[in-house]
Protein backbone atom coordinates (compact mmCIF):
# COMPACT_ATOMS: atom_id res chain seq x y z
CA MET A 1 14.52 32.82 -56.20
CA LYS A 2 17.52 35.09 -55.74
CA CYS A 3 19.90 34.58 -52.82
CA SER A 4 19.60 37.49 -50.42
CA GLN A 5 23.36 37.44 -49.78
CA CYS A 6 25.04 37.16 -53.18
CA GLN A 7 22.06 37.74 -55.55
CA GLU A 8 22.72 34.43 -57.35
CA CYS A 9 19.61 33.18 -59.14
CA ASP A 10 20.43 29.51 -58.68
CA THR A 11 19.01 28.30 -55.36
CA LYS A 12 17.58 24.96 -54.39
CA VAL A 13 14.78 23.99 -52.06
CA ILE A 14 16.03 21.91 -49.13
CA GLU A 15 12.74 21.49 -47.28
CA SER A 16 9.07 22.42 -47.76
CA ARG A 17 6.22 22.30 -45.30
CA ASP A 18 2.69 23.64 -44.97
CA VAL A 19 2.13 26.38 -42.42
CA ALA A 20 -0.84 28.47 -41.31
CA ASP A 21 -3.23 25.54 -41.61
CA GLY A 22 -2.31 24.94 -45.23
CA GLN A 23 -2.71 28.59 -46.21
CA ALA A 24 1.02 28.98 -46.89
CA VAL A 25 4.11 26.94 -47.72
CA ARG A 26 7.39 27.46 -45.88
CA ARG A 27 10.45 26.64 -47.96
CA ARG A 28 14.00 26.33 -46.70
CA ARG A 29 16.37 27.23 -49.52
CA MET A 30 20.11 27.16 -50.11
CA CYS A 31 22.16 29.17 -52.54
CA THR A 32 24.29 26.93 -54.77
CA ASN A 33 26.89 29.69 -55.09
CA CYS A 34 27.59 30.88 -51.52
CA MET A 35 25.75 28.09 -49.61
CA TYR A 36 23.70 30.67 -47.64
CA ARG A 37 20.42 29.24 -46.29
CA PHE A 38 17.23 31.25 -46.07
CA THR A 39 13.50 30.78 -45.65
CA THR A 40 10.71 31.88 -47.97
CA TYR A 41 6.95 31.73 -47.57
CA GLU A 42 4.40 31.30 -50.33
CA ARG A 43 0.78 32.30 -49.81
CA LEU A 44 -2.20 31.78 -52.04
CA GLU A 45 -2.87 35.01 -53.90
CA ARG A 46 -6.47 36.06 -53.52
CA PRO A 47 -8.43 38.97 -54.91
CA GLN A 48 -7.37 42.14 -53.15
CA LEU A 49 -9.68 43.43 -50.47
CA ILE A 50 -10.62 47.09 -50.41
CA VAL A 51 -11.14 48.64 -46.98
CA ILE A 52 -13.73 51.41 -46.75
CA LYS A 53 -12.58 53.73 -43.98
CA HIS A 54 -14.70 55.88 -41.62
CA ASP A 55 -14.42 58.93 -43.87
CA GLY A 56 -15.46 56.95 -46.97
CA THR A 57 -12.00 56.70 -48.52
CA ARG A 58 -10.86 53.36 -49.83
CA GLU A 59 -7.50 51.65 -49.51
CA LEU A 60 -6.12 48.17 -50.07
CA PHE A 61 -6.28 45.79 -47.11
CA ASN A 62 -2.83 45.74 -45.55
CA ARG A 63 -2.10 42.62 -43.51
CA ALA A 64 1.15 44.10 -42.20
CA LYS A 65 -0.65 47.24 -40.97
CA LEU A 66 -3.17 45.16 -39.01
CA LEU A 67 -0.40 42.99 -37.58
CA ALA A 68 1.62 46.07 -36.55
CA GLY A 69 -1.39 47.48 -34.69
CA LEU A 70 -1.86 44.19 -32.89
CA TYR A 71 1.82 44.02 -31.94
CA ARG A 72 1.51 47.49 -30.43
CA ALA A 73 -1.60 46.49 -28.48
CA CYS A 74 0.09 43.32 -27.22
CA GLU A 75 3.36 44.90 -26.09
CA LYS A 76 4.46 43.60 -22.69
CA THR A 77 1.74 40.94 -22.62
CA PRO A 78 2.21 37.17 -22.88
CA VAL A 79 0.62 37.12 -26.35
CA SER A 80 3.04 35.49 -28.82
CA GLY A 81 3.80 36.50 -32.37
CA MET A 82 2.43 33.15 -33.53
CA GLN A 83 -0.90 33.90 -31.84
CA LEU A 84 -1.06 37.25 -33.60
CA GLU A 85 -0.14 35.73 -36.98
CA SER A 86 -2.87 33.14 -36.49
CA LEU A 87 -5.38 35.81 -35.47
CA VAL A 88 -4.63 37.92 -38.55
CA SER A 89 -4.78 34.84 -40.81
CA ASP A 90 -8.17 33.87 -39.38
CA ILE A 91 -9.54 37.38 -39.84
CA GLU A 92 -8.16 37.58 -43.37
CA GLN A 93 -9.75 34.21 -44.19
CA GLU A 94 -13.11 35.42 -42.86
CA LEU A 95 -12.90 38.61 -44.89
CA HIS A 96 -12.21 36.66 -48.08
CA THR A 97 -15.10 34.27 -47.47
CA CYS A 98 -17.66 37.03 -46.78
CA GLY A 99 -18.31 37.29 -50.51
CA SER A 100 -17.36 40.90 -51.14
CA ASN A 101 -14.09 42.49 -52.18
CA GLU A 102 -14.99 45.65 -50.24
CA ILE A 103 -15.24 45.66 -46.45
CA GLN A 104 -15.95 48.39 -43.92
CA SER A 105 -13.04 49.11 -41.56
CA VAL A 106 -15.58 48.93 -38.72
CA LYS A 107 -16.23 45.28 -39.53
CA ILE A 108 -12.51 44.47 -39.47
CA GLY A 109 -12.16 46.24 -36.11
CA GLU A 110 -15.06 44.27 -34.66
CA HIS A 111 -13.53 40.97 -35.81
CA VAL A 112 -10.21 41.94 -34.22
CA MET A 113 -11.73 43.06 -30.94
CA GLU A 114 -13.89 39.95 -30.62
CA ARG A 115 -10.86 37.68 -31.01
CA LEU A 116 -8.46 39.83 -29.02
CA ALA A 117 -10.80 39.90 -26.01
CA ALA A 118 -10.57 36.10 -25.86
CA ILE A 119 -6.76 36.16 -26.03
CA ASN A 120 -5.79 38.99 -23.65
CA GLU A 121 -7.95 41.59 -21.92
CA VAL A 122 -5.17 44.19 -21.59
CA ALA A 123 -4.37 43.98 -25.30
CA TYR A 124 -8.09 44.20 -26.03
CA VAL A 125 -8.45 47.45 -24.04
CA ARG A 126 -5.36 48.94 -25.69
CA PHE A 127 -6.66 48.09 -29.16
CA ALA A 128 -10.15 49.34 -28.27
CA SER A 129 -8.77 52.64 -26.98
CA VAL A 130 -7.29 53.40 -30.40
CA TYR A 131 -10.04 51.78 -32.46
CA ARG A 132 -12.95 53.36 -30.59
CA ARG A 133 -11.06 56.67 -30.13
CA PHE A 134 -11.83 57.12 -26.45
CA LYS A 135 -11.88 60.80 -25.59
CA SER A 136 -12.44 60.47 -21.85
CA ILE A 137 -11.98 58.14 -18.91
CA GLU A 138 -15.70 57.34 -19.09
CA GLY A 139 -15.13 55.61 -22.43
CA PHE A 140 -12.54 53.36 -20.84
CA GLU A 141 -14.83 52.66 -17.90
CA GLU A 142 -17.70 51.68 -20.19
CA GLU A 143 -15.44 49.31 -22.13
CA LEU A 144 -14.13 47.74 -18.92
CA THR A 145 -17.68 47.28 -17.65
CA HIS A 146 -18.52 45.59 -20.95
CA ILE A 147 -15.53 43.22 -20.56
CA LYS A 148 -16.45 42.40 -16.97
CA GLN A 149 -20.04 41.65 -18.00
CA LYS A 150 -18.90 39.28 -20.76
CA LYS A 151 -16.50 37.53 -18.38
CA TYR A 152 -19.27 37.19 -15.77
CA GLU A 153 -21.61 35.69 -18.38
CA LYS A 154 -18.92 33.19 -19.50
CA ASP A 155 -18.34 32.14 -15.88
CA LEU A 156 -22.08 31.58 -15.41
CA VAL A 157 -22.19 29.36 -18.50
CA LYS A 158 -19.21 27.32 -17.25
CA GLU A 159 -20.85 26.79 -13.84
CA SER A 160 -24.09 25.43 -15.32
């Protein structure tokens, strides 16, 4: 592993620990030349997922793209970066265990919206507005009615 400061190839691992429920390893490293410390992450490499978009085109699943969309939806909400990382990791794990290397973008969106609704309703509506491509206020109203109905049903279950 090259040092990001001086480009020296000789670095040593100071500390290692599992992160993301064992799905990755975090390593603290130190350059033996300039003594700079930095962190690296190792993830298990899995077969690449192909996302089939609405128009039928295919592209590689991009974890960073999904995470960026979630960060935008969660701006100015109390949702933490760790929660979003965990959400994306869970979704990615589900996609890999579904048995196919190709997945419809609609299915990914549904997974995201299901989980995001449980984390933060405002972020859910923001994500839904882009994902579902609302063209009018009625679309927003329908989605809000849907959220209220789900919340009402959850409250009924808790009371019984």
